[in-house]
Amino acid sequence: LFVAETSGSTPFRLSTHVEDVGHMLVVGPTGAGKSVLLALIALQFRRYAGAQVYVFDKGNSARAATLAMGGEHHALGADGSLAFQPLRSINDQASRSWAAEWIASLVAHENVTVTPEVKEAIWSALASLATAPAQERTLTGLSVLLQSNALKTALMPYTLDGPFGRLLDADHDGLALSDVQCFETEELMHSQGALLPVLTYLFQRLEERFDG
């Protein structure tokens, strides 16, 4: 990725890969330069054709590097930030299967026991919602179709009637993925109820982009 110089003036050639695996962990005390190193690696990685960079940040440490690469920077959870429509593509079978698991995790977080009957109720409601126009495939729309009051109550915090609806109950999806994007999570981390639903949705969207 780049050539550096050690304290002994010896050339140091950095490659994160061992054969075809490029996983890496950077550990160090506050202020040691971890964020600077990661930003440099991202900038250097962009020289390769088809390279994509997605950063989950805290404290805006990657904002300058992201903008320097012509990427998009999103402050999740901040006023006027992105709003998502996780159920928009449930007319596709694979997306509906993911959505069923995602909804089950939401209601489980609200202390609903996810039994086979609950899974069937969620799946049936999603199947009905999938026939609606795309802009109507929202969490509010799903709540209307659920017959169980317990499930409606569990889903309410994530609809427009609840505290997290501004993030997860939009009638369009504000996220248009590009090759370089940074998601600032510090504000989102203050909303523990929204943190996992938002991140799991973003991971699902990003996974669709990975073709390596």
N, C-alpha and C. Protein backbone atom coordinates (compact mmCIF):
# COMPACT_ATOMS: atom_id res chain seq x y z
N LEU A 1 0.82 -1.21 0.00
CA LEU A 1 0.00 0.00 0.00
C LEU A 1 0.86 1.27 0.00
N PHE A 2 1.94 1.25 0.78
CA PHE A 2 2.83 2.41 0.75
C PHE A 2 4.19 2.01 1.32
N VAL A 3 5.18 2.85 1.04
CA VAL A 3 6.54 2.66 1.57
C VAL A 3 6.80 3.76 2.58
N ALA A 4 7.21 3.36 3.78
CA ALA A 4 7.51 4.32 4.85
C ALA A 4 8.97 4.15 5.29
N GLU A 5 9.36 4.95 6.24
CA GLU A 5 10.73 4.89 6.75
C GLU A 5 10.69 4.66 8.25
N THR A 6 11.44 3.70 8.74
CA THR A 6 11.47 3.43 10.17
C THR A 6 12.34 4.45 10.89
N SER A 7 12.33 4.38 12.23
CA SER A 7 13.15 5.29 13.02
C SER A 7 14.64 5.07 12.76
N GLY A 8 15.00 3.89 12.22
CA GLY A 8 16.39 3.61 11.87
C GLY A 8 16.70 3.87 10.42
N SER A 9 15.81 4.61 9.74
CA SER A 9 15.98 4.99 8.33
C SER A 9 15.96 3.79 7.37
N THR A 10 15.30 2.72 7.79
CA THR A 10 15.15 1.55 6.94
C THR A 10 13.81 1.61 6.21
N PRO A 11 13.78 1.36 4.92
CA PRO A 11 12.49 1.35 4.21
C PRO A 11 11.55 0.28 4.78
N PHE A 12 10.29 0.66 4.93
CA PHE A 12 9.27 -0.27 5.44
C PHE A 12 8.12 -0.31 4.44
N ARG A 13 7.90 -1.47 3.86
CA ARG A 13 6.84 -1.62 2.86
C ARG A 13 5.62 -2.26 3.51
N LEU A 14 4.52 -1.50 3.56
CA LEU A 14 3.31 -1.99 4.25
C LEU A 14 2.39 -2.71 3.28
N SER A 15 2.05 -3.92 3.64
CA SER A 15 0.98 -4.67 2.98
C SER A 15 0.18 -5.35 4.07
N THR A 16 -1.14 -5.19 4.02
CA THR A 16 -1.99 -5.79 5.06
C THR A 16 -2.32 -7.24 4.75
N HIS A 17 -1.91 -7.73 3.59
CA HIS A 17 -2.35 -9.06 3.16
C HIS A 17 -1.36 -10.16 3.53
N VAL A 18 -1.92 -11.28 3.96
CA VAL A 18 -1.22 -12.56 4.02
C VAL A 18 -1.93 -13.46 3.02
N GLU A 19 -1.27 -13.70 1.89
CA GLU A 19 -1.90 -14.35 0.73
C GLU A 19 -3.11 -13.50 0.31
N ASP A 20 -4.34 -14.05 0.34
CA ASP A 20 -5.47 -13.26 -0.17
C ASP A 20 -6.30 -12.64 0.95
N VAL A 21 -5.84 -12.69 2.20
CA VAL A 21 -6.60 -12.15 3.33
C VAL A 21 -5.93 -10.87 3.83
N GLY A 22 -6.69 -9.78 3.86
CA GLY A 22 -6.11 -8.49 4.22
C GLY A 22 -6.62 -7.93 5.53
N HIS A 23 -7.08 -8.77 6.44
CA HIS A 23 -7.58 -8.29 7.72
C HIS A 23 -6.44 -7.68 8.54
N MET A 24 -6.81 -6.66 9.34
CA MET A 24 -5.78 -5.99 10.13
C MET A 24 -6.41 -5.36 11.36
N LEU A 25 -5.69 -5.37 12.47
CA LEU A 25 -6.11 -4.71 13.70
C LEU A 25 -5.05 -3.70 14.08
N VAL A 26 -5.47 -2.47 14.36
CA VAL A 26 -4.54 -1.42 14.78
C VAL A 26 -4.84 -1.07 16.23
N VAL A 27 -3.86 -1.20 17.10
CA VAL A 27 -4.02 -0.95 18.53
C VAL A 27 -2.99 0.07 18.98
N GLY A 28 -3.41 1.02 19.81
CA GLY A 28 -2.47 2.00 20.32
C GLY A 28 -3.16 2.97 21.25
N PRO A 29 -2.41 3.72 22.05
CA PRO A 29 -3.01 4.68 22.99
C PRO A 29 -3.62 5.87 22.25
N THR A 30 -4.45 6.60 22.96
CA THR A 30 -5.08 7.80 22.40
C THR A 30 -4.02 8.78 21.91
N GLY A 31 -4.20 9.27 20.70
CA GLY A 31 -3.28 10.25 20.15
C GLY A 31 -2.03 9.67 19.52
N ALA A 32 -1.97 8.35 19.40
CA ALA A 32 -0.76 7.73 18.84
C ALA A 32 -0.71 7.77 17.32
N GLY A 33 -1.86 8.07 16.69
CA GLY A 33 -1.88 8.17 15.23
C GLY A 33 -2.61 7.04 14.52
N LYS A 34 -3.46 6.31 15.24
CA LYS A 34 -4.20 5.21 14.61
C LYS A 34 -5.09 5.71 13.49
N SER A 35 -5.82 6.78 13.74
CA SER A 35 -6.74 7.31 12.74
C SER A 35 -5.99 7.84 11.52
N VAL A 36 -4.84 8.45 11.76
CA VAL A 36 -4.02 8.95 10.65
C VAL A 36 -3.54 7.79 9.78
N LEU A 37 -3.10 6.72 10.43
CA LEU A 37 -2.64 5.54 9.68
C LEU A 37 -3.78 4.95 8.85
N LEU A 38 -4.95 4.80 9.45
CA LEU A 38 -6.07 4.21 8.71
C LEU A 38 -6.50 5.10 7.55
N ALA A 39 -6.46 6.42 7.75
CA ALA A 39 -6.80 7.33 6.66
C ALA A 39 -5.79 7.22 5.53
N LEU A 40 -4.51 7.10 5.87
CA LEU A 40 -3.47 6.95 4.84
C LEU A 40 -3.67 5.65 4.07
N ILE A 41 -3.97 4.57 4.77
CA ILE A 41 -4.21 3.29 4.10
C ILE A 41 -5.38 3.40 3.14
N ALA A 42 -6.46 4.06 3.58
CA ALA A 42 -7.63 4.23 2.72
C ALA A 42 -7.29 5.05 1.48
N LEU A 43 -6.55 6.14 1.67
CA LEU A 43 -6.16 6.99 0.54
C LEU A 43 -5.29 6.22 -0.46
N GLN A 44 -4.37 5.44 0.04
CA GLN A 44 -3.49 4.67 -0.84
C GLN A 44 -4.24 3.53 -1.54
N PHE A 45 -5.19 2.95 -0.84
CA PHE A 45 -5.96 1.84 -1.41
C PHE A 45 -6.77 2.28 -2.63
N ARG A 46 -7.15 3.55 -2.65
CA ARG A 46 -8.00 4.05 -3.75
C ARG A 46 -7.27 4.06 -5.09
N ARG A 47 -5.98 3.86 -5.11
CA ARG A 47 -5.27 3.86 -6.39
C ARG A 47 -5.59 2.62 -7.21
N TYR A 48 -6.14 1.60 -6.57
CA TYR A 48 -6.43 0.34 -7.27
C TYR A 48 -7.82 0.39 -7.89
N ALA A 49 -7.91 -0.10 -9.11
CA ALA A 49 -9.19 -0.09 -9.84
C ALA A 49 -10.25 -0.87 -9.06
N GLY A 50 -11.44 -0.27 -8.94
CA GLY A 50 -12.55 -0.93 -8.27
C GLY A 50 -12.51 -0.87 -6.76
N ALA A 51 -11.53 -0.15 -6.20
CA ALA A 51 -11.42 -0.08 -4.74
C ALA A 51 -12.61 0.67 -4.13
N GLN A 52 -13.15 0.12 -3.06
CA GLN A 52 -14.23 0.76 -2.31
C GLN A 52 -13.79 0.95 -0.86
N VAL A 53 -14.16 2.09 -0.29
CA VAL A 53 -13.78 2.40 1.09
C VAL A 53 -15.04 2.79 1.86
N TYR A 54 -15.34 2.05 2.94
CA TYR A 54 -16.46 2.38 3.82
C TYR A 54 -15.94 2.45 5.25
N VAL A 55 -16.17 3.59 5.87
CA VAL A 55 -15.61 3.85 7.19
C VAL A 55 -16.75 4.07 8.18
N PHE A 56 -16.68 3.37 9.32
CA PHE A 56 -17.57 3.65 10.45
C PHE A 56 -16.72 4.36 11.49
N ASP A 57 -16.99 5.64 11.68
CA ASP A 57 -16.10 6.53 12.40
C ASP A 57 -16.72 6.98 13.71
N LYS A 58 -15.89 7.49 14.59
CA LYS A 58 -16.35 8.14 15.83
C LYS A 58 -15.44 9.34 16.09
N GLY A 59 -16.05 10.50 16.18
CA GLY A 59 -15.29 11.71 16.43
C GLY A 59 -14.80 12.41 15.18
N ASN A 60 -15.35 12.05 14.01
CA ASN A 60 -15.02 12.71 12.75
C ASN A 60 -13.55 12.61 12.37
N SER A 61 -12.88 11.55 12.82
CA SER A 61 -11.45 11.44 12.53
C SER A 61 -11.17 11.17 11.06
N ALA A 62 -12.14 10.61 10.34
CA ALA A 62 -11.93 10.28 8.93
C ALA A 62 -12.63 11.25 7.98
N ARG A 63 -13.22 12.30 8.51
CA ARG A 63 -14.00 13.21 7.67
C ARG A 63 -13.14 13.87 6.59
N ALA A 64 -11.98 14.41 6.97
CA ALA A 64 -11.13 15.11 6.01
C ALA A 64 -10.66 14.16 4.90
N ALA A 65 -10.24 12.96 5.28
CA ALA A 65 -9.77 12.00 4.28
C ALA A 65 -10.90 11.59 3.34
N THR A 66 -12.09 11.40 3.90
CA THR A 66 -13.24 11.02 3.07
C THR A 66 -13.54 12.08 2.04
N LEU A 67 -13.60 13.33 2.47
CA LEU A 67 -13.90 14.42 1.53
C LEU A 67 -12.76 14.61 0.53
N ALA A 68 -11.52 14.37 0.97
CA ALA A 68 -10.38 14.49 0.05
C ALA A 68 -10.45 13.46 -1.06
N MET A 69 -11.06 12.30 -0.78
CA MET A 69 -11.22 11.26 -1.80
C MET A 69 -12.47 11.47 -2.64
N GLY A 70 -13.18 12.58 -2.40
CA GLY A 70 -14.41 12.83 -3.14
C GLY A 70 -15.56 11.99 -2.65
N GLY A 71 -15.46 11.48 -1.41
CA GLY A 71 -16.49 10.62 -0.86
C GLY A 71 -17.59 11.39 -0.16
N GLU A 72 -18.52 10.65 0.42
CA GLU A 72 -19.66 11.24 1.12
C GLU A 72 -19.52 10.96 2.62
N HIS A 73 -19.82 11.98 3.42
CA HIS A 73 -19.71 11.87 4.87
C HIS A 73 -21.10 12.03 5.47
N HIS A 74 -21.52 11.07 6.30
CA HIS A 74 -22.85 11.10 6.89
C HIS A 74 -22.73 11.04 8.41
N ALA A 75 -23.37 11.98 9.09
CA ALA A 75 -23.41 11.98 10.55
C ALA A 75 -24.70 11.29 10.99
N LEU A 76 -24.63 10.02 11.30
CA LEU A 76 -25.81 9.25 11.65
C LEU A 76 -26.40 9.71 12.97
N GLY A 77 -27.71 9.88 12.98
CA GLY A 77 -28.38 10.26 14.22
C GLY A 77 -28.45 11.74 14.47
N ALA A 78 -27.68 12.52 13.74
CA ALA A 78 -27.72 13.98 13.90
C ALA A 78 -28.98 14.54 13.24
N ASP A 79 -29.38 15.72 13.68
CA ASP A 79 -30.55 16.36 13.08
C ASP A 79 -30.31 16.56 11.59
N GLY A 80 -31.31 16.16 10.80
CA GLY A 80 -31.19 16.30 9.36
C GLY A 80 -30.31 15.25 8.71
N SER A 81 -29.97 14.19 9.46
CA SER A 81 -29.11 13.15 8.89
C SER A 81 -29.93 12.22 8.02
N LEU A 82 -29.28 11.18 7.54
CA LEU A 82 -29.94 10.21 6.68
C LEU A 82 -31.14 9.58 7.36
N ALA A 83 -32.16 9.30 6.55
CA ALA A 83 -33.30 8.49 6.99
C ALA A 83 -33.38 7.29 6.06
N PHE A 84 -33.75 6.15 6.62
CA PHE A 84 -33.69 4.90 5.87
C PHE A 84 -35.08 4.28 5.69
N GLN A 85 -35.19 3.48 4.64
CA GLN A 85 -36.41 2.71 4.38
C GLN A 85 -36.01 1.24 4.22
N PRO A 86 -35.80 0.55 5.33
CA PRO A 86 -35.25 -0.80 5.26
C PRO A 86 -36.10 -1.82 4.51
N LEU A 87 -37.42 -1.55 4.40
CA LEU A 87 -38.31 -2.53 3.79
C LEU A 87 -38.61 -2.24 2.32
N ARG A 88 -37.91 -1.29 1.74
CA ARG A 88 -38.25 -0.86 0.39
C ARG A 88 -38.17 -1.99 -0.63
N SER A 89 -37.22 -2.90 -0.49
CA SER A 89 -36.99 -3.92 -1.52
C SER A 89 -37.56 -5.29 -1.15
N ILE A 90 -38.55 -5.34 -0.26
CA ILE A 90 -39.05 -6.64 0.19
C ILE A 90 -39.86 -7.38 -0.86
N ASN A 91 -40.07 -6.74 -2.01
CA ASN A 91 -40.67 -7.50 -3.11
C ASN A 91 -39.70 -8.54 -3.65
N ASP A 92 -38.42 -8.37 -3.34
CA ASP A 92 -37.41 -9.38 -3.67
C ASP A 92 -37.35 -10.40 -2.53
N GLN A 93 -37.35 -11.68 -2.89
CA GLN A 93 -37.43 -12.74 -1.89
C GLN A 93 -36.26 -12.70 -0.89
N ALA A 94 -35.05 -12.51 -1.40
CA ALA A 94 -33.89 -12.47 -0.51
C ALA A 94 -33.96 -11.29 0.45
N SER A 95 -34.38 -10.13 -0.04
CA SER A 95 -34.52 -8.95 0.81
C SER A 95 -35.61 -9.15 1.86
N ARG A 96 -36.69 -9.84 1.47
CA ARG A 96 -37.77 -10.10 2.42
C ARG A 96 -37.30 -11.05 3.52
N SER A 97 -36.48 -12.04 3.16
CA SER A 97 -35.96 -12.97 4.18
C SER A 97 -35.09 -12.23 5.17
N TRP A 98 -34.23 -11.32 4.65
CA TRP A 98 -33.41 -10.52 5.56
C TRP A 98 -34.29 -9.64 6.44
N ALA A 99 -35.31 -9.02 5.85
CA ALA A 99 -36.19 -8.12 6.61
C ALA A 99 -36.92 -8.87 7.71
N ALA A 100 -37.32 -10.11 7.46
CA ALA A 100 -38.01 -10.90 8.48
C ALA A 100 -37.12 -11.11 9.69
N GLU A 101 -35.86 -11.43 9.45
CA GLU A 101 -34.91 -11.61 10.56
C GLU A 101 -34.65 -10.29 11.28
N TRP A 102 -34.57 -9.22 10.50
CA TRP A 102 -34.30 -7.89 11.08
C TRP A 102 -35.46 -7.45 11.96
N ILE A 103 -36.69 -7.61 11.48
CA ILE A 103 -37.87 -7.25 12.27
C ILE A 103 -37.93 -8.11 13.54
N ALA A 104 -37.64 -9.40 13.41
CA ALA A 104 -37.64 -10.29 14.57
C ALA A 104 -36.64 -9.80 15.63
N SER A 105 -35.48 -9.29 15.18
CA SER A 105 -34.50 -8.78 16.14
C SER A 105 -35.00 -7.50 16.81
N LEU A 106 -35.76 -6.69 16.09
CA LEU A 106 -36.32 -5.47 16.69
C LEU A 106 -37.30 -5.80 17.80
N VAL A 107 -38.23 -6.72 17.52
CA VAL A 107 -39.24 -7.03 18.53
C VAL A 107 -38.62 -7.80 19.69
N ALA A 108 -37.59 -8.59 19.40
CA ALA A 108 -36.89 -9.30 20.49
C ALA A 108 -36.22 -8.31 21.43
N HIS A 109 -35.69 -7.23 20.86
CA HIS A 109 -35.07 -6.18 21.67
C HIS A 109 -36.08 -5.53 22.60
N GLU A 110 -37.36 -5.57 22.19
CA GLU A 110 -38.44 -5.00 23.01
C GLU A 110 -39.08 -6.07 23.90
N ASN A 111 -38.35 -7.15 24.13
CA ASN A 111 -38.75 -8.21 25.06
C ASN A 111 -39.94 -9.04 24.60
N VAL A 112 -40.10 -9.15 23.29
CA VAL A 112 -41.09 -10.09 22.73
C VAL A 112 -40.36 -11.40 22.43
N THR A 113 -40.90 -12.50 22.92
CA THR A 113 -40.31 -13.80 22.62
C THR A 113 -40.64 -14.18 21.18
N VAL A 114 -39.61 -14.43 20.39
CA VAL A 114 -39.82 -14.72 18.97
C VAL A 114 -40.08 -16.21 18.80
N THR A 115 -41.34 -16.57 18.79
CA THR A 115 -41.77 -17.95 18.60
C THR A 115 -42.01 -18.20 17.12
N PRO A 116 -42.22 -19.46 16.73
CA PRO A 116 -42.58 -19.73 15.32
C PRO A 116 -43.83 -18.98 14.89
N GLU A 117 -44.78 -18.79 15.81
CA GLU A 117 -46.00 -18.05 15.48
C GLU A 117 -45.69 -16.58 15.19
N VAL A 118 -44.78 -16.01 15.98
CA VAL A 118 -44.38 -14.62 15.75
C VAL A 118 -43.67 -14.49 14.41
N LYS A 119 -42.79 -15.43 14.09
CA LYS A 119 -42.11 -15.40 12.80
C LYS A 119 -43.09 -15.50 11.65
N GLU A 120 -44.10 -16.34 11.80
CA GLU A 120 -45.11 -16.48 10.76
C GLU A 120 -45.92 -15.20 10.59
N ALA A 121 -46.25 -14.55 11.70
CA ALA A 121 -47.00 -13.30 11.63
C ALA A 121 -46.19 -12.21 10.93
N ILE A 122 -44.90 -12.14 11.24
CA ILE A 122 -44.03 -11.16 10.60
C ILE A 122 -43.91 -11.44 9.11
N TRP A 123 -43.70 -12.71 8.76
CA TRP A 123 -43.55 -13.07 7.35
C TRP A 123 -44.81 -12.78 6.55
N SER A 124 -45.96 -13.09 7.13
CA SER A 124 -47.23 -12.85 6.44
C SER A 124 -47.45 -11.36 6.21
N ALA A 125 -47.14 -10.55 7.23
CA ALA A 125 -47.31 -9.10 7.08
C ALA A 125 -46.35 -8.54 6.03
N LEU A 126 -45.12 -9.04 6.02
CA LEU A 126 -44.15 -8.59 5.02
C LEU A 126 -44.58 -8.97 3.61
N ALA A 127 -45.13 -10.17 3.46
CA ALA A 127 -45.60 -10.62 2.14
C ALA A 127 -46.72 -9.73 1.64
N SER A 128 -47.61 -9.33 2.53
CA SER A 128 -48.69 -8.42 2.14
C SER A 128 -48.15 -7.04 1.79
N LEU A 129 -47.21 -6.56 2.61
CA LEU A 129 -46.63 -5.23 2.37
C LEU A 129 -45.85 -5.19 1.07
N ALA A 130 -45.28 -6.31 0.65
CA ALA A 130 -44.47 -6.36 -0.57
C ALA A 130 -45.28 -6.05 -1.81
N THR A 131 -46.60 -6.20 -1.73
CA THR A 131 -47.47 -5.91 -2.88
C THR A 131 -47.82 -4.43 -2.98
N ALA A 132 -47.49 -3.66 -1.95
CA ALA A 132 -47.79 -2.22 -1.94
C ALA A 132 -46.75 -1.47 -2.76
N PRO A 133 -47.07 -0.24 -3.19
CA PRO A 133 -46.06 0.58 -3.88
C PRO A 133 -44.83 0.76 -3.00
N ALA A 134 -43.66 0.93 -3.62
CA ALA A 134 -42.40 0.97 -2.89
C ALA A 134 -42.40 2.01 -1.78
N GLN A 135 -42.97 3.18 -2.02
CA GLN A 135 -42.91 4.24 -1.01
C GLN A 135 -43.79 3.93 0.21
N GLU A 136 -44.66 2.93 0.10
CA GLU A 136 -45.52 2.56 1.23
C GLU A 136 -44.95 1.40 2.04
N ARG A 137 -43.81 0.87 1.65
CA ARG A 137 -43.21 -0.26 2.36
C ARG A 137 -42.37 0.25 3.53
N THR A 138 -43.05 0.75 4.52
CA THR A 138 -42.41 1.36 5.68
C THR A 138 -42.72 0.56 6.93
N LEU A 139 -42.05 0.89 8.02
CA LEU A 139 -42.33 0.22 9.29
C LEU A 139 -43.73 0.57 9.79
N THR A 140 -44.19 1.78 9.51
CA THR A 140 -45.57 2.13 9.85
C THR A 140 -46.53 1.27 9.05
N GLY A 141 -46.26 1.09 7.75
CA GLY A 141 -47.10 0.23 6.92
C GLY A 141 -47.13 -1.20 7.43
N LEU A 142 -45.99 -1.70 7.88
CA LEU A 142 -45.92 -3.05 8.42
C LEU A 142 -46.73 -3.15 9.71
N SER A 143 -46.63 -2.14 10.56
CA SER A 143 -47.36 -2.15 11.82
C SER A 143 -48.86 -2.23 11.60
N VAL A 144 -49.34 -1.55 10.57
CA VAL A 144 -50.77 -1.59 10.26
C VAL A 144 -51.22 -3.00 9.90
N LEU A 145 -50.35 -3.75 9.25
CA LEU A 145 -50.70 -5.09 8.78
C LEU A 145 -50.56 -6.17 9.85
N LEU A 146 -49.82 -5.88 10.90
CA LEU A 146 -49.66 -6.86 11.98
C LEU A 146 -50.94 -6.97 12.79
N GLN A 147 -51.37 -8.20 13.05
CA GLN A 147 -52.61 -8.42 13.79
C GLN A 147 -52.39 -8.40 15.30
N SER A 148 -51.17 -8.70 15.72
CA SER A 148 -50.86 -8.80 17.15
C SER A 148 -50.58 -7.44 17.76
N ASN A 149 -51.31 -7.10 18.82
CA ASN A 149 -51.06 -5.83 19.52
C ASN A 149 -49.68 -5.81 20.15
N ALA A 150 -49.22 -6.98 20.62
CA ALA A 150 -47.89 -7.05 21.23
C ALA A 150 -46.82 -6.71 20.21
N LEU A 151 -46.97 -7.20 18.97
CA LEU A 151 -46.00 -6.89 17.93
C LEU A 151 -46.09 -5.43 17.50
N LYS A 152 -47.30 -4.90 17.42
CA LYS A 152 -47.47 -3.49 17.09
C LYS A 152 -46.77 -2.60 18.13
N THR A 153 -46.97 -2.95 19.41
CA THR A 153 -46.36 -2.17 20.49
C THR A 153 -44.84 -2.26 20.44
N ALA A 154 -44.32 -3.47 20.16
CA ALA A 154 -42.88 -3.66 20.09
C ALA A 154 -42.26 -2.89 18.93
N LEU A 155 -42.99 -2.77 17.83
CA LEU A 155 -42.47 -2.09 16.65
C LEU A 155 -42.61 -0.58 16.74
N MET A 156 -43.48 -0.10 17.61
CA MET A 156 -43.80 1.33 17.67
C MET A 156 -42.59 2.24 17.84
N PRO A 157 -41.58 1.91 18.68
CA PRO A 157 -40.45 2.83 18.83
C PRO A 157 -39.70 3.11 17.53
N TYR A 158 -39.83 2.22 16.55
CA TYR A 158 -39.08 2.34 15.30
C TYR A 158 -39.92 2.96 14.19
N THR A 159 -41.18 3.29 14.50
CA THR A 159 -42.05 3.96 13.54
C THR A 159 -42.04 5.46 13.80
N LEU A 160 -42.76 6.20 12.97
CA LEU A 160 -42.81 7.65 13.14
C LEU A 160 -43.46 8.06 14.45
N ASP A 161 -44.20 7.15 15.10
CA ASP A 161 -44.79 7.44 16.40
C ASP A 161 -43.80 7.28 17.54
N GLY A 162 -42.61 6.76 17.25
CA GLY A 162 -41.63 6.49 18.29
C GLY A 162 -40.37 7.30 18.12
N PRO A 163 -39.42 7.12 19.02
CA PRO A 163 -38.21 7.97 19.03
C PRO A 163 -37.24 7.70 17.90
N PHE A 164 -37.32 6.52 17.26
CA PHE A 164 -36.33 6.18 16.24
C PHE A 164 -36.91 6.20 14.82
N GLY A 165 -38.16 6.61 14.71
CA GLY A 165 -38.82 6.61 13.41
C GLY A 165 -38.19 7.57 12.41
N ARG A 166 -37.62 8.66 12.90
CA ARG A 166 -36.99 9.62 11.97
C ARG A 166 -35.80 9.01 11.25
N LEU A 167 -35.23 7.94 11.83
CA LEU A 167 -34.10 7.26 11.21
C LEU A 167 -34.54 6.09 10.33
N LEU A 168 -35.58 5.37 10.77
CA LEU A 168 -35.86 4.05 10.19
C LEU A 168 -37.22 3.92 9.52
N ASP A 169 -38.02 4.98 9.52
CA ASP A 169 -39.39 4.85 8.99
C ASP A 169 -39.67 5.84 7.87
N ALA A 170 -38.69 6.05 7.02
CA ALA A 170 -38.86 6.97 5.90
C ALA A 170 -39.62 6.30 4.75
N ASP A 171 -40.21 7.12 3.88
CA ASP A 171 -40.89 6.57 2.71
C ASP A 171 -39.98 6.58 1.47
N HIS A 172 -38.71 6.85 1.70
CA HIS A 172 -37.67 6.72 0.67
C HIS A 172 -36.36 6.49 1.42
N ASP A 173 -35.38 6.00 0.71
CA ASP A 173 -34.10 5.73 1.37
C ASP A 173 -33.09 6.79 0.96
N GLY A 174 -32.58 7.51 1.96
CA GLY A 174 -31.65 8.60 1.68
C GLY A 174 -30.24 8.14 1.37
N LEU A 175 -29.98 6.83 1.48
CA LEU A 175 -28.62 6.34 1.28
C LEU A 175 -28.42 5.89 -0.16
N ALA A 176 -27.59 6.62 -0.88
CA ALA A 176 -27.17 6.23 -2.23
C ALA A 176 -25.69 5.88 -2.14
N LEU A 177 -25.39 4.59 -2.19
CA LEU A 177 -24.02 4.15 -1.96
C LEU A 177 -23.10 4.53 -3.10
N SER A 178 -21.93 5.03 -2.72
CA SER A 178 -20.87 5.32 -3.68
C SER A 178 -19.62 4.57 -3.25
N ASP A 179 -18.52 4.75 -3.96
CA ASP A 179 -17.32 3.97 -3.69
C ASP A 179 -16.61 4.38 -2.40
N VAL A 180 -16.84 5.60 -1.94
CA VAL A 180 -16.19 6.08 -0.70
C VAL A 180 -17.25 6.73 0.17
N GLN A 181 -17.47 6.17 1.35
CA GLN A 181 -18.44 6.75 2.27
C GLN A 181 -17.98 6.57 3.70
N CYS A 182 -18.27 7.57 4.50
CA CYS A 182 -17.93 7.53 5.93
C CYS A 182 -19.20 7.77 6.74
N PHE A 183 -19.42 6.91 7.73
CA PHE A 183 -20.58 7.03 8.60
C PHE A 183 -20.10 7.41 10.00
N GLU A 184 -20.35 8.65 10.39
CA GLU A 184 -19.99 9.12 11.71
C GLU A 184 -21.04 8.63 12.71
N THR A 185 -20.61 7.89 13.74
CA THR A 185 -21.56 7.20 14.62
C THR A 185 -21.65 7.77 16.03
N GLU A 186 -20.91 8.83 16.34
CA GLU A 186 -20.88 9.30 17.73
C GLU A 186 -22.26 9.69 18.23
N GLU A 187 -23.01 10.45 17.45
CA GLU A 187 -24.35 10.85 17.87
C GLU A 187 -25.28 9.64 17.94
N LEU A 188 -25.14 8.73 16.99
CA LEU A 188 -25.99 7.54 16.98
C LEU A 188 -25.77 6.69 18.23
N MET A 189 -24.54 6.66 18.74
CA MET A 189 -24.24 5.85 19.92
C MET A 189 -24.97 6.34 21.17
N HIS A 190 -25.47 7.56 21.12
CA HIS A 190 -26.25 8.07 22.26
C HIS A 190 -27.67 7.50 22.24
N SER A 191 -28.08 6.91 21.12
CA SER A 191 -29.41 6.30 20.99
C SER A 191 -29.23 4.79 20.92
N GLN A 192 -29.09 4.16 22.07
CA GLN A 192 -28.78 2.73 22.09
C GLN A 192 -29.85 1.89 21.41
N GLY A 193 -31.09 2.33 21.48
CA GLY A 193 -32.16 1.57 20.84
C GLY A 193 -32.07 1.57 19.33
N ALA A 194 -31.49 2.63 18.76
CA ALA A 194 -31.40 2.73 17.30
C ALA A 194 -30.07 2.21 16.76
N LEU A 195 -29.08 2.08 17.63
CA LEU A 195 -27.73 1.76 17.17
C LEU A 195 -27.67 0.45 16.39
N LEU A 196 -28.12 -0.63 16.98
CA LEU A 196 -28.02 -1.94 16.32
C LEU A 196 -28.91 -2.03 15.09
N PRO A 197 -30.17 -1.57 15.12
CA PRO A 197 -30.98 -1.62 13.90
C PRO A 197 -30.38 -0.85 12.73
N VAL A 198 -29.84 0.34 13.01
CA VAL A 198 -29.25 1.14 11.93
C VAL A 198 -28.00 0.47 11.38
N LEU A 199 -27.12 0.00 12.27
CA LEU A 199 -25.87 -0.59 11.81
C LEU A 199 -26.12 -1.90 11.04
N THR A 200 -27.04 -2.73 11.52
CA THR A 200 -27.30 -3.98 10.80
C THR A 200 -27.90 -3.70 9.43
N TYR A 201 -28.73 -2.66 9.32
CA TYR A 201 -29.26 -2.30 8.01
C TYR A 201 -28.14 -1.82 7.09
N LEU A 202 -27.25 -0.98 7.60
CA LEU A 202 -26.15 -0.49 6.78
C LEU A 202 -25.24 -1.63 6.34
N PHE A 203 -24.97 -2.57 7.25
CA PHE A 203 -24.12 -3.72 6.88
C PHE A 203 -24.78 -4.52 5.75
N GLN A 204 -26.09 -4.66 5.82
CA GLN A 204 -26.80 -5.39 4.76
C GLN A 204 -26.67 -4.66 3.43
N ARG A 205 -26.84 -3.35 3.43
CA ARG A 205 -26.71 -2.56 2.20
C ARG A 205 -25.30 -2.65 1.64
N LEU A 206 -24.30 -2.56 2.51
CA LEU A 206 -22.92 -2.62 2.05
C LEU A 206 -22.58 -4.00 1.50
N GLU A 207 -23.10 -5.03 2.12
CA GLU A 207 -22.82 -6.39 1.65
C GLU A 207 -23.25 -6.58 0.20
N GLU A 208 -24.31 -5.90 -0.19
CA GLU A 208 -24.77 -5.97 -1.58
C GLU A 208 -23.75 -5.39 -2.56
N ARG A 209 -22.87 -4.52 -2.04
CA ARG A 209 -21.88 -3.87 -2.89
C ARG A 209 -20.60 -4.68 -3.07
N PHE A 210 -20.38 -5.62 -2.14
CA PHE A 210 -19.11 -6.34 -2.15
C PHE A 210 -19.12 -7.42 -3.22
N ASP A 211 -18.14 -7.36 -4.09
CA ASP A 211 -18.07 -8.34 -5.19
C ASP A 211 -16.69 -8.97 -5.30
N GLY A 212 -15.84 -8.79 -4.29
CA GLY A 212 -14.50 -9.33 -4.34
C GLY A 212 -14.43 -10.80 -3.94
